[in-house]
Protein backbone atom coordinates (compact mmCIF):
# COMPACT_ATOMS: atom_id res chain seq x y z
CA MET A 1 69.75 104.58 37.28
CA ALA A 2 67.18 105.68 39.87
CA PHE A 3 65.10 108.80 39.24
CA VAL A 4 65.91 110.19 42.69
CA GLU A 5 69.60 109.60 43.42
CA PRO A 6 71.19 110.12 46.87
CA VAL A 7 71.96 113.80 47.26
CA THR A 8 72.68 116.35 50.00
CA LEU A 9 70.85 119.67 49.66
CA LYS A 10 72.05 122.76 51.55
CA ALA A 11 70.95 126.36 52.04
CA ARG A 12 70.59 128.94 54.81
CA GLY A 13 72.22 126.84 57.49
CA ILE A 14 70.12 123.74 56.78
CA ALA A 15 71.35 120.50 55.21
CA LEU A 16 69.10 117.71 53.97
CA VAL A 17 71.26 114.59 54.08
CA PRO A 18 70.28 111.05 53.10
CA LEU A 19 68.68 109.41 56.13
CA SER A 20 70.69 106.59 57.67
CA LEU A 21 70.76 104.53 60.86
CA ASP A 22 73.44 106.95 62.09
CA HIS A 23 70.61 109.48 62.57
CA GLU A 24 68.69 107.31 65.05
CA GLU A 25 69.76 109.13 68.22
CA GLY A 26 69.32 112.56 66.61
CA LEU A 27 65.85 111.72 65.30
CA ARG A 28 64.82 110.39 68.69
CA ALA A 29 65.97 113.64 70.33
CA ALA A 30 64.21 115.78 67.71
CA ALA A 31 60.93 113.91 68.19
CA ALA A 32 61.25 114.23 71.97
CA ASP A 33 61.28 118.03 71.56
CA GLY A 34 57.53 118.42 71.79
CA GLU A 35 56.74 114.68 72.19
CA LEU A 36 55.66 114.78 68.57
CA TRP A 37 54.66 111.12 68.42
CA LYS A 38 51.65 112.01 70.60
CA LEU A 39 50.08 113.98 67.75
CA ARG A 40 47.50 111.64 66.21
CA VAL A 41 47.76 113.19 62.74
CA THR A 42 51.49 112.71 62.13
CA SER A 43 53.87 109.84 61.38
CA VAL A 44 56.53 110.82 63.95
CA PRO A 45 58.02 107.69 65.55
CA GLU A 46 57.76 106.91 69.25
CA PRO A 47 61.25 106.83 70.84
CA GLU A 48 61.37 103.03 70.92
CA ASN A 49 60.33 102.84 67.24
CA THR A 50 62.86 105.28 65.80
CA ARG A 51 65.15 102.59 64.37
CA ALA A 52 62.21 100.76 62.76
CA TYR A 53 61.02 104.10 61.31
CA ILE A 54 64.42 104.62 59.64
CA GLU A 55 64.61 101.01 58.43
CA THR A 56 61.14 101.28 56.88
CA ALA A 57 62.06 104.55 55.15
CA LEU A 58 65.24 103.01 53.74
CA LYS A 59 63.58 99.89 52.36
CA THR A 60 60.54 101.57 50.80
CA ALA A 61 61.20 101.46 47.06
CA ASP A 62 59.37 104.65 46.08
CA ARG A 63 60.68 106.81 48.94
CA PHE A 64 63.90 108.76 49.45
CA ALA A 65 64.22 110.01 53.02
CA PHE A 66 66.33 112.85 54.39
CA ALA A 67 67.47 113.82 57.85
CA VAL A 68 66.97 117.57 58.28
CA THR A 69 70.09 118.88 60.01
CA GLU A 70 71.85 122.06 61.04
CA ALA A 71 74.57 122.31 58.42
CA ALA A 72 77.22 123.63 60.82
CA THR A 73 76.77 121.08 63.60
CA GLY A 74 74.98 118.11 62.06
CA THR A 75 72.30 118.33 64.77
CA VAL A 76 69.19 116.51 63.57
CA LEU A 77 66.12 118.76 63.46
CA GLY A 78 63.65 116.32 61.88
CA SER A 79 63.00 114.39 58.71
CA THR A 80 61.37 114.74 55.31
CA SER A 81 61.08 112.59 52.19
CA PHE A 82 60.40 112.40 48.51
CA HIS A 83 57.84 109.61 48.20
CA ASP A 84 55.37 108.09 45.78
CA ILE A 85 58.09 108.67 43.20
CA LEU A 86 56.76 108.14 39.66
CA PRO A 87 59.65 108.41 37.17
CA GLY A 88 57.45 107.72 34.14
CA VAL A 89 55.38 110.86 34.67
CA LYS A 90 58.15 112.79 36.47
CA ARG A 91 56.18 113.24 39.67
CA VAL A 92 57.26 113.09 43.30
CA GLU A 93 55.47 113.87 46.52
CA ILE A 94 56.99 115.59 49.53
CA GLY A 95 55.96 114.19 52.87
CA TYR A 96 56.79 112.32 56.05
CA THR A 97 57.88 115.80 57.15
CA TRP A 98 58.27 116.72 60.78
CA TYR A 99 60.54 118.94 62.86
CA ALA A 100 61.47 119.32 66.51
CA ALA A 101 59.07 121.72 68.24
CA ARG A 102 61.79 124.40 68.51
CA CYS A 103 62.06 124.48 64.69
CA GLN A 104 58.37 124.89 63.98
CA ARG A 105 57.31 128.34 62.73
CA THR A 106 60.94 129.17 61.85
CA HIS A 107 62.72 129.32 58.50
CA VAL A 108 63.44 125.58 58.61
CA ASN A 109 60.34 124.31 56.78
CA THR A 110 60.41 127.06 54.16
CA THR A 111 64.10 126.37 53.52
CA CYS A 112 63.52 122.62 53.24
CA LYS A 113 60.66 123.11 50.79
CA LEU A 114 62.75 125.52 48.71
CA LEU A 115 65.57 122.96 48.57
CA MET A 116 63.30 120.04 47.71
CA LEU A 117 61.20 121.90 45.15
CA THR A 118 64.33 123.29 43.48
CA HIS A 119 65.76 119.78 43.25
CA ALA A 120 62.48 118.30 42.01
CA PHE A 121 61.76 120.88 39.32
CA ASP A 122 65.21 122.16 38.32
CA THR A 123 67.32 118.99 38.67
CA LEU A 124 64.89 116.09 38.23
CA GLY A 125 62.69 117.93 35.73
CA CYS A 126 59.47 117.00 37.52
CA ASN A 127 56.17 117.97 35.95
CA VAL A 128 54.32 117.85 39.27
CA VAL A 129 55.17 117.77 42.98
CA GLY A 130 52.46 116.59 45.33
CA TRP A 131 51.64 116.59 49.04
CA ARG A 132 49.11 114.71 51.11
CA THR A 133 48.03 115.24 54.68
CA ASP A 134 45.49 114.14 57.25
CA ASN A 135 42.18 115.96 56.97
CA PHE A 136 42.53 116.99 60.63
CA ASN A 137 46.13 118.22 60.27
CA PHE A 138 45.11 121.83 59.75
CA ALA A 139 48.61 123.19 60.46
CA SER A 140 50.03 121.03 57.68
CA GLN A 141 47.27 122.08 55.27
CA ARG A 142 47.98 125.77 55.99
CA ALA A 143 51.72 125.23 55.49
CA ILE A 144 51.17 123.45 52.15
CA GLU A 145 48.78 126.16 50.98
CA ARG A 146 51.28 128.88 51.98
CA LEU A 147 53.72 127.27 49.55
CA GLY A 148 51.32 127.97 46.71
CA ALA A 149 50.22 124.37 46.17
CA LYS A 150 46.71 123.78 44.89
CA LYS A 151 44.22 121.53 46.67
CA ASP A 152 43.37 118.65 44.35
CA GLY A 153 40.74 117.04 46.56
CA VAL A 154 40.12 114.62 49.39
CA ILE A 155 40.45 110.84 49.30
CA ARG A 156 37.92 109.60 51.81
CA GLY A 157 38.69 106.61 54.04
CA HIS A 158 42.24 106.52 52.70
CA ALA A 159 44.58 105.45 55.50
CA MET A 160 44.83 104.30 59.10
CA ARG A 161 46.03 106.62 61.84
CA ARG A 162 48.22 105.32 64.65
CA ASP A 163 45.19 105.40 66.99
CA GLY A 164 43.28 102.99 64.75
CA THR A 165 40.88 105.53 63.26
CA ILE A 166 40.54 105.87 59.50
CA ARG A 167 41.61 109.17 58.01
CA ASP A 168 40.59 111.12 54.97
CA THR A 169 43.61 112.39 53.02
CA VAL A 170 43.81 115.90 51.56
CA MET A 171 45.80 115.98 48.32
CA TYR A 172 47.73 118.98 46.94
CA SER A 173 49.98 119.57 43.95
CA LEU A 174 52.21 122.12 42.28
CA ARG A 175 52.88 122.02 38.54
CA ALA A 176 56.16 122.95 36.88
CA GLY A 177 54.65 126.05 35.30
CA GLU A 178 53.70 127.36 38.76
CA TRP A 179 57.19 126.83 40.18
CA PRO A 180 58.82 130.18 39.16
CA GLU A 181 56.18 132.18 41.06
CA VAL A 182 56.33 129.84 44.06
CA ARG A 183 60.14 130.04 44.13
CA ALA A 184 59.94 133.85 44.12
CA GLN A 185 57.46 133.76 47.02
CA LEU A 186 59.58 131.33 49.08
CA LEU A 187 62.67 133.50 48.57
CA TYR A 188 60.66 136.57 49.55
CA LEU A 189 59.47 134.88 52.75
CA LEU A 190 63.00 133.77 53.64
CA ASP A 191 64.54 137.19 52.93
CA LYS A 192 61.97 139.44 54.60
CA PRO A 193 62.91 140.77 58.04
CA ARG A 194 61.47 138.89 61.02
CA ASP A 195 59.35 140.80 63.52
């Protein structure tokens, strides 16, 4: 039995459903909202590479990918994944996360992280959940830090960007003992009135 089994996670009008080739058109449309593939510090697929992006996600052994959707309509808003899944030490990372421009700075990311962290810690019994991001993806670093994750360090010269430059990778983690406080903060952020 796999450590991360196929599952649909739902809350606050958002559904994380197992990514499939049926999401190709929706993912392409979500990425087009903001032409997200033009950002050099993300892994958002170009329109013509959307199918290959899904196929790669589905065949990567230590990754479980979700389509982020509106629960009521099934409209695809983006994608996110558990990856670098280590069953032996009960650790997963959350990444390959991106959303249509219209969903950025809304409740969508906070809701997705609440769903994924709840599943990781409360269902899978993870000891640690990690994140990694490009050293120049400052928006992602701020979002991860807002979750309450701790910066573990930087791996220099770690990966290639789509433009051929070599990136440094900033690593973050959250331990199981920190989860109750982080859950309380995420719920607070989701429940507080919007300006």
